[in-house]
C-alpha atoms as a PDB file:
ATOM      1  CA  MET A   1     -46.498  12.313 154.174  1.00  0.00           C
ATOM      2  CA  VAL A   2     -48.984  12.495 156.799  1.00  0.00           C
ATOM      3  CA  PHE A   3     -51.340   9.754 157.255  1.00  0.00           C
ATOM      4  CA  THR A   4     -55.277  10.490 158.851  1.00  0.00           C
ATOM      5  CA  ASP A   5     -55.832   8.617 162.252  1.00  0.00           C
ATOM      6  CA  LEU A   6     -52.116   7.228 162.115  1.00  0.00           C
ATOM      7  CA  LEU A   7     -52.380   6.517 165.426  1.00  0.00           C
ATOM      8  CA  ASN A   8     -55.356   4.231 165.216  1.00  0.00           C
ATOM      9  CA  GLN A   9     -53.891   1.310 167.101  1.00  0.00           C
ATOM     10  CA  GLU A  10     -56.346  -0.893 165.532  1.00  0.00           C
ATOM     11  CA  TYR A  11     -55.013  -0.682 161.836  1.00  0.00           C
ATOM     12  CA  PHE A  12     -51.010   0.836 162.578  1.00  0.00           C
ATOM     13  CA  ARG A  13     -47.732   0.459 164.251  1.00  0.00           C
ATOM     14  CA  HIS A  14     -44.651   1.559 163.755  1.00  0.00           C
ATOM     15  CA  LEU A  15     -41.837  -0.774 164.458  1.00  0.00           C
ATOM     16  CA  GLU A  16     -38.207  -0.317 164.871  1.00  0.00           C
ATOM     17  CA  TYR A  17     -35.744  -1.939 162.639  1.00  0.00           C
ATOM     18  CA  LYS A  18     -32.447  -0.333 163.295  1.00  0.00           C
ATOM     19  CA  LYS A  19     -30.077  -1.300 160.269  1.00  0.00           C
ATOM     20  CA  GLU A  20     -29.466   1.760 158.238  1.00  0.00           C
ATOM     21  CA  ASN A  21     -32.095   3.447 160.520  1.00  0.00           C
ATOM     22  CA  CYS A  22     -34.743   1.780 158.643  1.00  0.00           C
ATOM     23  CA  LYS A  23     -38.129   1.921 160.051  1.00  0.00           C
ATOM     24  CA  ILE A  24     -41.364  -0.193 159.232  1.00  0.00           C
ATOM     25  CA  ASP A  25     -45.064   0.625 159.343  1.00  0.00           C
ATOM     26  CA  LEU A  26     -47.694  -2.171 159.862  1.00  0.00           C
ATOM     27  CA  ILE A  27     -51.063  -1.446 158.222  1.00  0.00           C
ATOM     28  CA  ARG A  28     -53.773  -3.600 158.563  1.00  0.00           C
ATOM     29  CA  ASN A  29     -56.503  -3.273 156.361  1.00  0.00           C
ATOM     30  CA  PRO A  30     -54.916  -0.694 153.942  1.00  0.00           C
ATOM     31  CA  SER A  31     -58.188   0.153 151.627  1.00  0.00           C
ATOM     32  CA  SER A  32     -59.774   1.353 154.995  1.00  0.00           C
ATOM     33  CA  PHE A  33     -57.252   2.736 156.480  1.00  0.00           C
ATOM     34  CA  PHE A  34     -55.854   5.522 154.181  1.00  0.00           C
ATOM     35  CA  SER A  35     -58.289   8.024 152.673  1.00  0.00           C
ATOM     36  CA  ASP A  36     -58.668   8.570 148.674  1.00  0.00           C
ATOM     37  CA  SER A  37     -56.144  11.517 148.434  1.00  0.00           C
ATOM     38  CA  GLU A  38     -53.746   9.309 150.691  1.00  0.00           C
ATOM     39  CA  LYS A  39     -54.109   6.272 148.582  1.00  0.00           C
ATOM     40  CA  VAL A  40     -53.214   8.331 145.366  1.00  0.00           C
ATOM     41  CA  ASN A  41     -50.236  10.243 147.128  1.00  0.00           C
ATOM     42  CA  LEU A  42     -49.100   6.701 148.693  1.00  0.00           C
ATOM     43  CA  THR A  43     -49.670   4.934 145.087  1.00  0.00           C
ATOM     44  CA  ASN A  44     -47.635   7.499 143.141  1.00  0.00           C
ATOM     45  CA  CYS A  45     -44.633   7.168 146.009  1.00  0.00           C
ATOM     46  CA  LEU A  46     -44.588   3.589 145.951  1.00  0.00           C
ATOM     47  CA  LEU A  47     -45.168   3.489 141.940  1.00  0.00           C
ATOM     48  CA  ALA A  48     -41.557   5.295 141.686  1.00  0.00           C
ATOM     49  CA  VAL A  49     -40.161   3.063 144.064  1.00  0.00           C
ATOM     50  CA  ALA A  50     -41.704  -0.286 142.512  1.00  0.00           C
ATOM     51  CA  ARG A  51     -40.116   1.394 138.928  1.00  0.00           C
ATOM     52  CA  ASP A  52     -36.422   1.720 141.093  1.00  0.00           C
ATOM     53  CA  GLY A  53     -36.738  -1.499 142.527  1.00  0.00           C
ATOM     54  CA  PHE A  54     -37.167  -3.629 139.166  1.00  0.00           C
ATOM     55  CA  GLY A  55     -35.770  -1.058 136.891  1.00  0.00           C
ATOM     56  CA  SER A  56     -38.652  -1.344 134.647  1.00  0.00           C
ATOM     57  CA  LEU A  57     -42.014   0.627 134.127  1.00  0.00           C
ATOM     58  CA  ILE A  58     -43.975  -1.546 136.750  1.00  0.00           C
ATOM     59  CA  PRO A  59     -48.149  -0.266 135.869  1.00  0.00           C
ATOM     60  CA  LYS A  60     -49.491   2.180 138.452  1.00  0.00           C
ATOM     61  CA  SER A  61     -52.559  -0.487 138.730  1.00  0.00           C
ATOM     62  CA  GLU A  62     -50.245  -3.079 139.912  1.00  0.00           C
ATOM     63  CA  VAL A  63     -49.213  -0.865 142.466  1.00  0.00           C
ATOM     64  CA  GLU A  64     -52.430  -0.092 143.390  1.00  0.00           C
ATOM     65  CA  ASN A  65     -54.040  -3.820 143.474  1.00  0.00           C
ATOM     66  CA  ASN A  66     -51.020  -4.823 146.168  1.00  0.00           C
ATOM     67  CA  LEU A  67     -51.396  -2.324 148.191  1.00  0.00           C
ATOM     68  CA  PHE A  68     -54.836  -1.827 148.183  1.00  0.00           C
ATOM     69  CA  HIS A  69     -56.326  -5.405 147.971  1.00  0.00           C
ATOM     70  CA  ALA A  70     -54.311  -6.900 150.764  1.00  0.00           C
ATOM     71  CA  ASP A  71     -55.065  -8.097 154.312  1.00  0.00           C
ATOM     72  CA  ALA A  72     -52.226  -6.212 155.496  1.00  0.00           C
ATOM     73  CA  VAL A  73     -49.116  -3.830 154.188  1.00  0.00           C
ATOM     74  CA  TYR A  74     -45.854  -2.982 155.746  1.00  0.00           C
ATOM     75  CA  LEU A  75     -43.922   0.107 154.782  1.00  0.00           C
ATOM     76  CA  ILE A  76     -40.544   0.776 154.710  1.00  0.00           C
ATOM     77  CA  GLU A  77     -39.069   4.110 155.431  1.00  0.00           C
ATOM     78  CA  HIS A  78     -35.827   5.534 155.110  1.00  0.00           C
ATOM     79  CA  GLN A  79     -34.851   9.212 155.419  1.00  0.00           C
ATOM     80  CA  ASN A  80     -38.544  10.341 155.582  1.00  0.00           C
ATOM     81  CA  GLU A  81     -39.487   8.663 152.551  1.00  0.00           C
ATOM     82  CA  PHE A  82     -40.943   5.253 151.504  1.00  0.00           C
ATOM     83  CA  LYS A  83     -38.531   3.160 149.971  1.00  0.00           C
ATOM     84  CA  GLY A  84     -40.687  -0.064 149.758  1.00  0.00           C
ATOM     85  CA  PHE A  85     -43.623  -2.601 150.888  1.00  0.00           C
ATOM     86  CA  CYS A  86     -44.829  -6.012 151.493  1.00  0.00           C
ATOM     87  CA  SER A  87     -48.627  -6.710 151.144  1.00  0.00           C
ATOM     88  CA  TYR A  88     -49.911 -10.160 152.220  1.00  0.00           C
ATOM     89  CA  LYS A  89     -53.613 -11.683 152.106  1.00  0.00           C
ATOM     90  CA  PHE A  90     -54.636 -14.141 154.519  1.00  0.00           C
ATOM     91  CA  LEU A  91     -56.534 -17.093 152.856  1.00  0.00           C
ATOM     92  CA  ASP A  92     -58.131 -20.711 153.745  1.00  0.00           C
ATOM     93  CA  PHE A  93     -57.897 -23.480 151.495  1.00  0.00           C
ATOM     94  CA  GLU A  94     -59.015 -27.193 152.257  1.00  0.00           C
ATOM     95  CA  ASN A  95     -58.543 -26.383 156.218  1.00  0.00           C
ATOM     96  CA  GLN A  96     -55.408 -24.729 155.951  1.00  0.00           C
ATOM     97  CA  LYS A  97     -54.215 -21.040 156.555  1.00  0.00           C
ATOM     98  CA  LEU A  98     -52.166 -19.712 154.001  1.00  0.00           C
ATOM     99  CA  LEU A  99     -50.244 -16.433 153.900  1.00  0.00           C
ATOM    100  CA  PHE A 100     -49.929 -15.286 150.462  1.00  0.00           C
ATOM    101  CA  LEU A 101     -47.121 -12.854 149.766  1.00  0.00           C
ATOM    102  CA  LYS A 102     -49.225 -10.609 147.398  1.00  0.00           C
ATOM    103  CA  GLY A 103     -46.583  -7.952 146.191  1.00  0.00           C
ATOM    104  CA  VAL A 104     -42.985  -7.307 147.602  1.00  0.00           C
ATOM    105  CA  VAL A 105     -40.609  -4.411 146.230  1.00  0.00           C
ATOM    106  CA  ILE A 106     -37.755  -2.530 147.765  1.00  0.00           C
ATOM    107  CA  LYS A 107     -35.759   0.307 146.028  1.00  0.00           C
ATOM    108  CA  GLN A 108     -32.484  -1.060 144.672  1.00  0.00           C
ATOM    109  CA  GLU A 109     -30.268   1.281 147.111  1.00  0.00           C
ATOM    110  CA  LEU A 110     -31.856  -0.955 150.322  1.00  0.00           C
ATOM    111  CA  GLN A 111     -31.958  -4.343 148.704  1.00  0.00           C
ATOM    112  CA  ASP A 112     -28.734  -5.749 150.550  1.00  0.00           C
ATOM    113  CA  LEU A 113     -30.231  -5.285 154.646  1.00  0.00           C
ATOM    114  CA  GLY A 114     -32.472  -8.229 154.811  1.00  0.00           C
ATOM    115  CA  LEU A 115     -35.248  -6.671 154.616  1.00  0.00           C
ATOM    116  CA  PHE A 116     -37.350  -9.346 152.805  1.00  0.00           C
ATOM    117  CA  TYR A 117     -35.929 -11.743 155.430  1.00  0.00           C
ATOM    118  CA  GLU A 118     -36.564  -9.235 158.239  1.00  0.00           C
ATOM    119  CA  ILE A 119     -40.358  -8.168 157.299  1.00  0.00           C
ATOM    120  CA  ASN A 120     -41.327 -11.974 156.740  1.00  0.00           C
ATOM    121  CA  ASN A 121     -39.559 -13.287 159.855  1.00  0.00           C
ATOM    122  CA  ARG A 122     -41.979 -10.815 162.218  1.00  0.00           C
ATOM    123  CA  VAL A 123     -45.049 -11.972 160.324  1.00  0.00           C
ATOM    124  CA  LEU A 124     -44.140 -15.708 160.641  1.00  0.00           C
ATOM    125  CA  LYS A 125     -42.397 -15.800 163.873  1.00  0.00           C
ATOM    126  CA  GLN A 126     -43.733 -12.933 165.740  1.00  0.00           C
ATOM    127  CA  ASN A 127     -47.144 -13.270 164.739  1.00  0.00           C
ATOM    128  CA  GLU A 128     -47.482  -9.566 164.111  1.00  0.00           C
ATOM    129  CA  LEU A 129     -50.029  -9.784 161.417  1.00  0.00           C
ATOM    130  CA  SER A 130     -52.300 -12.108 163.362  1.00  0.00           C
ATOM    131  CA  ASP A 131     -52.582 -14.277 166.355  1.00  0.00           C
ATOM    132  CA  THR A 132     -53.721 -16.957 163.891  1.00  0.00           C
ATOM    133  CA  GLU A 133     -50.637 -19.740 163.025  1.00  0.00           C
ATOM    134  CA  PHE A 134     -50.359 -20.163 159.237  1.00  0.00           C
ATOM    135  CA  ASP A 135     -49.496 -23.410 157.477  1.00  0.00           C
ATOM    136  CA  TYR A 136     -47.872 -22.565 154.235  1.00  0.00           C
ATOM    137  CA  LEU A 137     -46.421 -19.329 152.836  1.00  0.00           C
ATOM    138  CA  VAL A 138     -47.523 -18.618 149.024  1.00  0.00           C
ATOM    139  CA  MET A 139     -46.315 -16.427 146.460  1.00  0.00           C
ATOM    140  CA  ARG A 140     -45.716 -15.708 142.808  1.00  0.00           C
ATOM    141  CA  THR A 141     -42.430 -14.752 141.649  1.00  0.00           C
ATOM    142  CA  GLN A 142     -39.941 -14.555 138.361  1.00  0.00           C
ATOM    143  CA  SER A 143     -36.954 -14.065 140.779  1.00  0.00           C
ATOM    144  CA  PRO A 144     -34.683 -16.911 141.513  1.00  0.00           C
ATOM    145  CA  VAL A 145     -33.058 -14.246 144.404  1.00  0.00           C
ATOM    146  CA  VAL A 146     -36.591 -14.145 145.745  1.00  0.00           C
ATOM    147  CA  TYR A 147     -36.677 -18.057 145.451  1.00  0.00           C
ATOM    148  CA  SER A 148     -33.386 -18.298 147.484  1.00  0.00           C
ATOM    149  CA  ALA A 149     -34.407 -15.859 150.545  1.00  0.00           C
ATOM    150  CA  SER A 150     -37.600 -17.507 150.829  1.00  0.00           C
ATOM    151  CA  GLU A 151     -35.397 -20.867 151.723  1.00  0.00           C
ATOM    152  CA  THR A 152     -34.415 -18.745 154.964  1.00  0.00           C
ATOM    153  CA  ILE A 153     -37.951 -18.295 156.376  1.00  0.00           C
ATOM    154  CA  VAL A 154     -39.714 -21.593 155.715  1.00  0.00           C
ATOM    155  CA  LYS A 155     -38.953 -25.203 156.650  1.00  0.00           C
ATOM    156  CA  ASN A 156     -39.337 -26.764 153.325  1.00  0.00           C
ATOM    157  CA  LEU A 157     -39.855 -24.483 149.777  1.00  0.00           C
ATOM    158  CA  TYR A 158     -41.780 -26.006 146.798  1.00  0.00           C
ATOM    159  CA  PRO A 159     -40.698 -26.557 143.935  1.00  0.00           C
ATOM    160  CA  SER A 160     -37.645 -28.177 145.257  1.00  0.00           C
ATOM    161  CA  LYS A 161     -34.599 -27.546 143.484  1.00  0.00           C
ATOM    162  CA  ASP A 162     -34.072 -31.277 143.528  1.00  0.00           C
ATOM    163  CA  ILE A 163     -37.443 -31.555 142.121  1.00  0.00           C
ATOM    164  CA  LEU A 164     -36.418 -34.782 140.249  1.00  0.00           C
ATOM    165  CA  SER A 165     -35.451 -36.722 143.406  1.00  0.00           C
ATOM    166  CA  ASN A 166     -37.469 -34.632 145.677  1.00  0.00           C
ATOM    167  CA  PRO A 167     -40.889 -34.739 144.022  1.00  0.00           C
ATOM    168  CA  THR A 168     -43.372 -31.796 145.446  1.00  0.00           C
ATOM    169  CA  PRO A 169     -45.927 -33.568 147.707  1.00  0.00           C
ATOM    170  CA  VAL A 170     -49.477 -33.806 146.386  1.00  0.00           C
ATOM    171  CA  SER A 171     -51.200 -31.610 149.269  1.00  0.00           C
ATOM    172  CA  ILE A 172     -48.421 -28.718 148.144  1.00  0.00           C
ATOM    173  CA  ASP A 173     -49.566 -29.521 144.445  1.00  0.00           C
ATOM    174  CA  LYS A 174     -53.282 -29.090 145.417  1.00  0.00           C
ATOM    175  CA  ILE A 175     -52.422 -25.577 146.617  1.00  0.00           C
ATOM    176  CA  MET A 176     -49.979 -24.390 143.167  1.00  0.00           C
ATOM    177  CA  ASP A 177     -52.865 -25.924 141.462  1.00  0.00           C
ATOM    178  CA  HIS A 178     -55.712 -23.721 143.301  1.00  0.00           C
ATOM    179  CA  PHE A 179     -53.300 -20.457 142.613  1.00  0.00           C
ATOM    180  CA  VAL A 180     -53.091 -21.137 139.063  1.00  0.00           C
ATOM    181  CA  GLY A 181     -56.612 -21.709 138.673  1.00  0.00           C
ATOM    182  CA  LEU A 182     -57.280 -18.406 140.224  1.00  0.00           C
ATOM    183  CA  SER A 183     -54.981 -16.653 137.369  1.00  0.00           C
ATOM    184  CA  GLY A 184     -56.951 -18.417 134.806  1.00  0.00           C
ATOM    185  CA  LEU A 185     -54.092 -19.578 132.843  1.00  0.00           C
ATOM    186  CA  THR A 186     -52.512 -22.682 132.378  1.00  0.00           C
ATOM    187  CA  GLN A 187     -49.916 -24.249 134.296  1.00  0.00           C
ATOM    188  CA  LYS A 188     -46.850 -26.824 133.712  1.00  0.00           C
ATOM    189  CA  ASP A 189     -45.106 -28.118 136.836  1.00  0.00           C
ATOM    190  CA  SER A 190     -45.362 -25.137 139.411  1.00  0.00           C
ATOM    191  CA  LEU A 191     -45.579 -22.220 136.517  1.00  0.00           C
ATOM    192  CA  ILE A 192     -48.091 -20.192 135.478  1.00  0.00           C
ATOM    193  CA  ARG A 193     -47.344 -19.685 132.098  1.00  0.00           C
ATOM    194  CA  GLY A 194     -47.899 -15.941 130.919  1.00  0.00           C
ATOM    195  CA  LEU A 195     -49.121 -14.582 133.928  1.00  0.00           C
ATOM    196  CA  TYR A 196     -47.692 -10.835 134.264  1.00  0.00           C
ATOM    197  CA  GLY A 197     -47.245 -10.834 130.255  1.00  0.00           C
ATOM    198  CA  ARG A 198     -43.924  -9.574 130.257  1.00  0.00           C
ATOM    199  CA  CYS A 199     -40.467 -10.110 132.463  1.00  0.00           C
ATOM    200  CA  LEU A 200     -40.888  -7.581 135.381  1.00  0.00           C
ATOM    201  CA  TYR A 201     -36.991  -6.881 135.906  1.00  0.00           C
ATOM    202  CA  ALA A 202     -34.983  -4.755 133.572  1.00  0.00           C
ATOM    203  CA  LYS A 203     -32.462  -7.481 133.587  1.00  0.00           C
ATOM    204  CA  THR A 204     -33.394 -11.395 134.396  1.00  0.00           C
ATOM    205  CA  PRO A 205     -32.826 -12.033 138.246  1.00  0.00           C
ATOM    206  CA  LYS A 206     -30.097 -14.689 139.107  1.00  0.00           C
ATOM    207  CA  HIS A 207     -29.109 -16.204 142.017  1.00  0.00           C
ATOM    208  CA  LYS A 208     -26.765 -19.342 141.977  1.00  0.00           C
ATOM    209  CA  ASN A 209     -28.496 -21.495 144.495  1.00  0.00           C
ATOM    210  CA  ALA A 210     -31.850 -21.186 142.407  1.00  0.00           C
ATOM    211  CA  ASN A 211     -31.001 -20.661 138.510  1.00  0.00           C
ATOM    212  CA  ASN A 212     -30.800 -24.027 137.424  1.00  0.00           C
ATOM    213  CA  LEU A 213     -34.082 -24.795 139.157  1.00  0.00           C
ATOM    214  CA  PHE A 214     -35.556 -21.523 137.113  1.00  0.00           C
ATOM    215  CA  ASN A 215     -33.978 -21.939 133.874  1.00  0.00           C
ATOM    216  CA  ASN A 216     -33.256 -25.546 132.986  1.00  0.00           C
ATOM    217  CA  ILE A 217     -35.678 -27.360 135.229  1.00  0.00           C
ATOM    218  CA  LEU A 218     -38.779 -25.629 135.148  1.00  0.00           C
ATOM    219  CA  ARG A 219     -37.745 -23.314 131.722  1.00  0.00           C
ATOM    220  CA  VAL A 220     -39.312 -20.156 132.594  1.00  0.00           C
ATOM    221  CA  ASP A 221     -39.755 -17.939 130.049  1.00  0.00           C
ATOM    222  CA  TYR A 222     -38.934 -14.470 131.554  1.00  0.00           C
ATOM    223  CA  ASP A 223     -40.047 -12.336 128.264  1.00  0.00           C
ATOM    224  CA  ALA A 224     -43.708 -14.262 127.971  1.00  0.00           C
ATOM    225  CA  GLY A 225     -44.302 -13.503 132.053  1.00  0.00           C
ATOM    226  CA  ASP A 226     -43.799 -16.847 133.405  1.00  0.00           C
ATOM    227  CA  ALA A 227     -43.927 -16.979 137.064  1.00  0.00           C
ATOM    228  CA  VAL A 228     -43.570 -19.734 139.521  1.00  0.00           C
ATOM    229  CA  VAL A 229     -45.568 -20.588 142.423  1.00  0.00           C
ATOM    230  CA  LEU A 230     -43.778 -21.346 145.391  1.00  0.00           C
ATOM    231  CA  VAL A 231     -45.507 -22.837 148.558  1.00  0.00           C
ATOM    232  CA  GLY A 232     -43.105 -22.865 151.938  1.00  0.00           C
ATOM    233  CA  LYS A 233     -44.140 -25.174 154.696  1.00  0.00           C
ATOM    234  CA  LEU A 234     -43.936 -23.275 157.600  1.00  0.00           C
END
């Protein structure tokens, strides 16, 4: 796929990632970077990736929203095809800098290569996106796997797996409440009830390190589309 103005360094950076010959492209301000026809082509390409990665019929509108209503997008290339992306928004909340992980999906064949860690490590440790030092990483997810992966890139992740003995600090609660408010839905603990309207995954995701938190403590209703708000202290 050929993009207009690919060498415009204000928006584009090609980044090497040697594992399995993957390449990572960083696009700043993707809504302005791509032409209308490129947006259509990229959406269709990554819609197929999203449906493979989640194993379900992800709507095209969700892919478009995550790609083109973001401040930056990382595109994952493998064998001359796009096979995943991570998108981010930069937010301010009560004098705190928040990095909001808006959307992430990786094709199943590449899901065990550490790409989630690699991209977020680049963002948070190497300041590839901005000279700004972010205070928190925030995301919404249905996946205990994403929770466990997020633990490796932040100092402290909330809600804690030991939430009963290690309750969420008030400052973190405020951030969670803010994101629930943006959704217009109801909250219980760090949960947004019914955010997605369905389970995003063909099979309910599991991870031994976070299953108890999601299933027994928070009682995520996957079929109803509940989402957990994660806040990581950086």
